[in-house]
Amino acid sequence: MRASRGNQRPVGYQRWRNLLFLHWPMPLEALRPLVPRELEIDLFTGQAYVSLIPFLIDESRPIGVPRALATRLLETNLRTYVRAEDGEAGIYFFSLDASSLLAVAAARLLYGLPYFPAVMSMRSEDSRTVYASRRRGAHGARLDVTWSVGEPMGTAVAGTHDHFLIERYHLYVARCVGLYRGRVRHRPYPLRRATLEHLSETVLSAAGLPAPAEPPLCHYSPAVDVDIFWLERVRRSASTLTRS
């Protein structure tokens, strides 16, 4: 597992299951207006990316709460790759759709994340999964995706394209009082090959992103167990304070 910094202890626990990662290259000029100026957009060999990730949270609960009271929900998040001024790599979320109204309300209130309630379903049989999501509201974003799982790939190797896209342990949230970083801790994702059978979505366009020019790169992971940490303020350097 990846360690957190300092003496911070986890405040929550989740079990992530049946994760599909869909990655597209994205023009930097399309991302820059949508990402807080305090964050640098992280590039791999000069290219920016966005990722759409549908999955199941099989268990979600605060530390100390019995498993019998845990929440089970579906979630789909849309993210890009960023770095803070201190060089810490992480992700920035454009949207997170969830099937639990309680989870949406808690994440918006406590973390300031752009969660949206959605009507969602997932059906798996053997190696094939059919997943659907409809964001609540007059102009709700939708996702319909079907995939099948192939042979194991091991874990992503540091410095590779796969590692850049998959192994991210920090998220960033811009609030009116500054930039905050949240952390998660889990073992490296065990990866398997995935074949995309069907994809129809409007999640990217709902976030203000252009339609991708090519099919996505796909990864799949069956499961990780995750410790969730509280937000911490990202301190600005003296040079940045002078410029602002």
Protein backbone atom coordinates (compact mmCIF):
# COMPACT_ATOMS: atom_id res chain seq x y z
CA MET A 1 0.00 0.00 0.00
CA ARG A 2 1.02 3.55 -0.56
CA ALA A 3 1.71 5.47 2.63
CA SER A 4 0.13 8.77 3.56
CA ARG A 5 2.21 11.70 4.67
CA GLY A 6 2.82 12.70 8.24
CA ASN A 7 0.67 11.32 11.06
CA GLN A 8 -2.62 11.66 9.24
CA ARG A 9 -4.97 8.74 9.82
CA PRO A 10 -7.66 7.53 7.41
CA VAL A 11 -11.19 8.79 7.97
CA GLY A 12 -12.97 6.34 5.69
CA TYR A 13 -12.75 2.97 4.01
CA GLN A 14 -14.01 1.77 0.62
CA ARG A 15 -13.90 -1.39 -1.49
CA TRP A 16 -13.66 -0.57 -5.20
CA ARG A 17 -14.72 -3.36 -7.57
CA ASN A 18 -15.08 -4.00 -11.32
CA LEU A 19 -13.29 -0.85 -12.49
CA LEU A 20 -13.11 0.04 -16.18
CA PHE A 21 -10.68 2.80 -17.16
CA LEU A 22 -11.31 4.59 -20.49
CA HIS A 23 -8.55 7.03 -21.47
CA TRP A 24 -8.46 9.59 -24.28
CA PRO A 25 -5.80 12.09 -25.34
CA MET A 26 -7.20 15.61 -25.05
CA PRO A 27 -5.92 18.94 -26.42
CA LEU A 28 -4.29 20.99 -23.70
CA GLU A 29 -6.18 24.09 -24.84
CA ALA A 30 -9.48 22.28 -24.22
CA LEU A 31 -8.51 21.37 -20.66
CA ARG A 32 -6.81 24.55 -19.48
CA PRO A 33 -9.97 26.71 -19.04
CA LEU A 34 -11.66 23.93 -17.05
CA VAL A 35 -8.84 23.28 -14.55
CA PRO A 36 -8.02 25.66 -11.66
CA ARG A 37 -5.06 27.89 -12.46
CA GLU A 38 -3.26 26.69 -9.31
CA LEU A 39 -2.82 23.30 -10.97
CA GLU A 40 -0.48 22.41 -13.81
CA ILE A 41 -1.92 19.92 -16.29
CA ASP A 42 0.26 16.82 -16.17
CA LEU A 43 1.45 15.46 -19.52
CA PHE A 44 2.88 12.16 -20.69
CA THR A 45 5.38 12.70 -23.52
CA GLY A 46 3.73 16.06 -24.18
CA GLN A 47 0.14 14.77 -24.27
CA ALA A 48 -2.75 15.54 -21.87
CA TYR A 49 -5.41 12.95 -21.07
CA VAL A 50 -8.88 12.53 -19.60
CA SER A 51 -10.25 9.30 -18.16
CA LEU A 52 -13.79 8.05 -17.63
CA ILE A 53 -14.10 5.35 -14.95
CA PRO A 54 -17.30 3.41 -14.19
CA PHE A 55 -17.09 1.06 -11.20
CA LEU A 56 -18.78 -0.38 -8.12
CA ILE A 57 -18.10 0.78 -4.57
CA ASP A 58 -19.00 -2.44 -2.82
CA GLU A 59 -18.57 -0.91 0.63
CA SER A 60 -18.18 2.69 1.81
CA ARG A 61 -18.10 3.70 5.46
CA PRO A 62 -16.38 6.08 7.86
CA ILE A 63 -13.69 4.53 10.05
CA GLY A 64 -15.31 3.09 13.15
CA VAL A 65 -18.71 2.48 11.55
CA PRO A 66 -19.73 -1.21 11.39
CA ARG A 67 -19.78 -2.91 7.99
CA ALA A 68 -23.51 -3.57 8.45
CA LEU A 69 -24.08 0.19 8.10
CA ALA A 70 -21.86 0.64 5.03
CA THR A 71 -23.18 2.13 1.78
CA ARG A 72 -23.03 0.24 -1.54
CA LEU A 73 -23.20 2.30 -4.74
CA LEU A 74 -22.19 2.69 -8.36
CA GLU A 75 -19.97 5.56 -9.41
CA THR A 76 -18.61 7.03 -12.64
CA ASN A 77 -15.94 9.71 -12.55
CA LEU A 78 -14.39 11.89 -15.22
CA ARG A 79 -10.91 13.17 -14.47
CA THR A 80 -7.73 14.65 -15.84
CA TYR A 81 -4.12 14.56 -14.65
CA VAL A 82 -2.51 17.44 -12.79
CA ARG A 83 0.35 18.55 -10.56
CA ALA A 84 0.34 21.03 -7.71
CA GLU A 85 2.98 23.71 -7.32
CA ASP A 86 4.94 21.42 -4.97
CA GLY A 87 5.20 18.83 -7.77
CA GLU A 88 2.77 16.31 -6.28
CA ALA A 89 1.01 14.43 -9.08
CA GLY A 90 -2.72 13.82 -8.78
CA ILE A 91 -6.09 14.06 -10.47
CA TYR A 92 -8.73 16.73 -10.92
CA PHE A 93 -12.37 15.66 -11.27
CA PHE A 94 -14.75 17.28 -13.73
CA SER A 95 -17.66 15.18 -12.48
CA LEU A 96 -18.55 12.18 -10.32
CA ASP A 97 -21.93 10.49 -10.80
CA ALA A 98 -23.17 8.26 -8.00
CA SER A 99 -26.26 6.14 -7.39
CA SER A 100 -26.50 7.09 -3.70
CA LEU A 101 -28.06 10.45 -2.78
CA LEU A 102 -26.42 10.21 0.65
CA ALA A 103 -22.96 9.75 -0.89
CA VAL A 104 -23.53 12.69 -3.26
CA ALA A 105 -24.60 14.99 -0.43
CA ALA A 106 -21.76 13.93 1.88
CA ALA A 107 -19.04 14.25 -0.78
CA ARG A 108 -20.26 17.69 -1.88
CA LEU A 109 -20.52 18.96 1.70
CA LEU A 110 -17.36 17.47 3.19
CA TYR A 111 -14.98 17.38 0.22
CA GLY A 112 -16.39 19.94 -2.20
CA LEU A 113 -16.27 17.42 -5.04
CA PRO A 114 -18.57 17.82 -8.09
CA TYR A 115 -20.82 14.83 -7.39
CA PHE A 116 -24.15 14.38 -9.17
CA PRO A 117 -27.00 11.97 -8.39
CA ALA A 118 -27.66 9.42 -11.11
CA VAL A 119 -29.82 6.40 -11.89
CA MET A 120 -27.29 3.63 -12.52
CA SER A 121 -27.15 -0.10 -13.14
CA MET A 122 -24.47 -2.74 -13.63
CA ARG A 123 -24.97 -6.34 -14.72
CA SER A 124 -22.06 -8.80 -14.89
CA GLU A 125 -22.06 -12.33 -16.23
CA ASP A 126 -18.85 -14.34 -16.57
CA SER A 127 -16.31 -11.89 -18.04
CA ARG A 128 -18.86 -9.44 -19.50
CA THR A 129 -20.31 -6.33 -17.84
CA VAL A 130 -23.13 -4.04 -19.00
CA TYR A 131 -23.18 -0.66 -17.25
CA ALA A 132 -25.59 2.27 -17.59
CA SER A 133 -25.88 5.69 -15.95
CA ARG A 134 -28.31 8.59 -16.32
CA ARG A 135 -27.52 11.77 -14.39
CA ARG A 136 -30.62 13.21 -12.77
CA GLY A 137 -31.81 16.52 -14.21
CA ALA A 138 -33.19 17.99 -17.41
CA HIS A 139 -29.88 17.76 -19.27
CA GLY A 140 -28.32 14.82 -17.44
CA ALA A 141 -25.18 13.20 -18.80
CA ARG A 142 -25.52 9.55 -19.76
CA LEU A 143 -23.24 6.56 -20.14
CA ASP A 144 -23.88 3.16 -21.71
CA VAL A 145 -20.89 0.86 -21.84
CA THR A 146 -20.31 -2.85 -22.25
CA TRP A 147 -16.96 -4.55 -21.80
CA SER A 148 -15.39 -7.98 -21.44
CA VAL A 149 -12.34 -8.86 -19.39
CA GLY A 150 -9.28 -10.67 -20.72
CA GLU A 151 -6.00 -12.00 -19.39
CA PRO A 152 -4.06 -10.54 -16.44
CA MET A 153 -1.47 -7.81 -17.11
CA GLY A 154 0.10 -7.60 -13.65
CA THR A 155 0.57 -4.11 -12.20
CA ALA A 156 1.69 -0.97 -14.03
CA VAL A 157 5.44 -0.35 -14.07
CA ALA A 158 6.66 3.04 -12.83
CA GLY A 159 7.51 5.43 -15.67
CA THR A 160 5.22 3.76 -18.22
CA HIS A 161 2.12 5.14 -19.92
CA ASP A 162 -0.04 2.68 -17.97
CA HIS A 163 1.40 3.85 -14.64
CA PHE A 164 0.83 7.52 -15.53
CA LEU A 165 -2.85 6.88 -16.25
CA ILE A 166 -3.66 4.38 -13.49
CA GLU A 167 -1.56 4.88 -10.36
CA ARG A 168 -2.80 8.18 -8.88
CA TYR A 169 -3.20 8.58 -5.12
CA HIS A 170 -4.08 12.25 -4.72
CA LEU A 171 -7.04 14.38 -5.76
CA TYR A 172 -7.27 18.16 -5.85
CA VAL A 173 -10.20 20.38 -4.96
CA ALA A 174 -10.25 24.16 -5.48
CA ARG A 175 -12.26 26.01 -2.85
CA CYS A 176 -12.80 29.72 -2.38
CA VAL A 177 -10.19 29.73 0.39
CA GLY A 178 -7.54 27.84 -1.57
CA LEU A 179 -6.41 24.54 -3.05
CA TYR A 180 -6.83 21.29 -1.11
CA ARG A 181 -5.42 17.81 -1.60
CA GLY A 182 -7.09 14.56 -0.63
CA ARG A 183 -5.29 11.25 -0.41
CA VAL A 184 -6.16 7.60 -0.80
CA ARG A 185 -4.10 4.52 0.03
CA HIS A 186 -4.31 1.11 -1.61
CA ARG A 187 -2.13 -1.53 -3.21
CA PRO A 188 -1.25 -1.05 -6.90
CA TYR A 189 -4.13 -1.89 -9.19
CA PRO A 190 -4.06 -5.50 -10.43
CA LEU A 191 -4.75 -5.00 -14.14
CA ARG A 192 -6.38 -7.15 -16.81
CA ARG A 193 -6.93 -6.51 -20.48
CA ALA A 194 -10.37 -5.19 -21.42
CA THR A 195 -12.26 -5.28 -24.70
CA LEU A 196 -14.76 -2.49 -25.26
CA GLU A 197 -17.90 -3.91 -26.91
CA HIS A 198 -20.11 -0.81 -26.81
CA LEU A 199 -19.76 2.80 -25.68
CA SER A 200 -22.17 5.71 -25.86
CA GLU A 201 -21.68 8.69 -23.57
CA THR A 202 -22.33 12.39 -23.09
CA VAL A 203 -20.33 12.79 -19.87
CA LEU A 204 -17.41 14.49 -21.64
CA SER A 205 -19.57 17.01 -23.47
CA ALA A 206 -21.50 17.76 -20.25
CA ALA A 207 -18.15 18.77 -18.72
CA GLY A 208 -17.41 21.10 -21.64
CA LEU A 209 -14.89 18.79 -23.32
CA PRO A 210 -14.75 18.12 -27.07
CA ALA A 211 -15.63 14.73 -28.50
CA PRO A 212 -12.56 12.44 -28.63
CA ALA A 213 -11.03 11.92 -32.03
CA GLU A 214 -10.18 8.26 -31.46
CA PRO A 215 -11.34 5.19 -29.49
CA PRO A 216 -10.24 5.03 -25.86
CA LEU A 217 -7.36 3.09 -24.40
CA CYS A 218 -8.86 0.60 -21.92
CA HIS A 219 -7.71 -0.92 -18.64
CA TYR A 220 -9.59 -3.06 -16.17
CA SER A 221 -9.02 -3.83 -12.51
CA PRO A 222 -11.10 -6.30 -10.51
CA ALA A 223 -10.61 -4.85 -7.02
CA VAL A 224 -8.72 -2.70 -4.54
CA ASP A 225 -9.47 -1.90 -0.90
CA VAL A 226 -8.98 1.78 -0.15
CA ASP A 227 -8.24 3.99 2.85
CA ILE A 228 -9.59 7.54 2.48
CA PHE A 229 -7.84 10.53 4.08
CA TRP A 230 -9.11 13.98 4.95
CA LEU A 231 -8.36 17.05 2.83
CA GLU A 232 -5.24 19.08 3.60
CA ARG A 233 -4.42 22.59 2.46
CA VAL A 234 -1.82 22.93 -0.31
CA ARG A 235 0.47 25.71 0.80
CA ARG A 236 1.45 28.27 -1.81
CA SER A 237 5.08 29.29 -2.20
CA ALA A 238 6.32 32.79 -1.48
CA SER A 239 6.98 33.37 -5.20
CA THR A 240 3.38 32.50 -6.08
CA LEU A 241 2.01 34.75 -3.35
CA THR A 242 4.13 37.61 -4.70
CA ARG A 243 2.78 37.11 -8.24
CA SER A 244 -0.89 36.90 -7.18
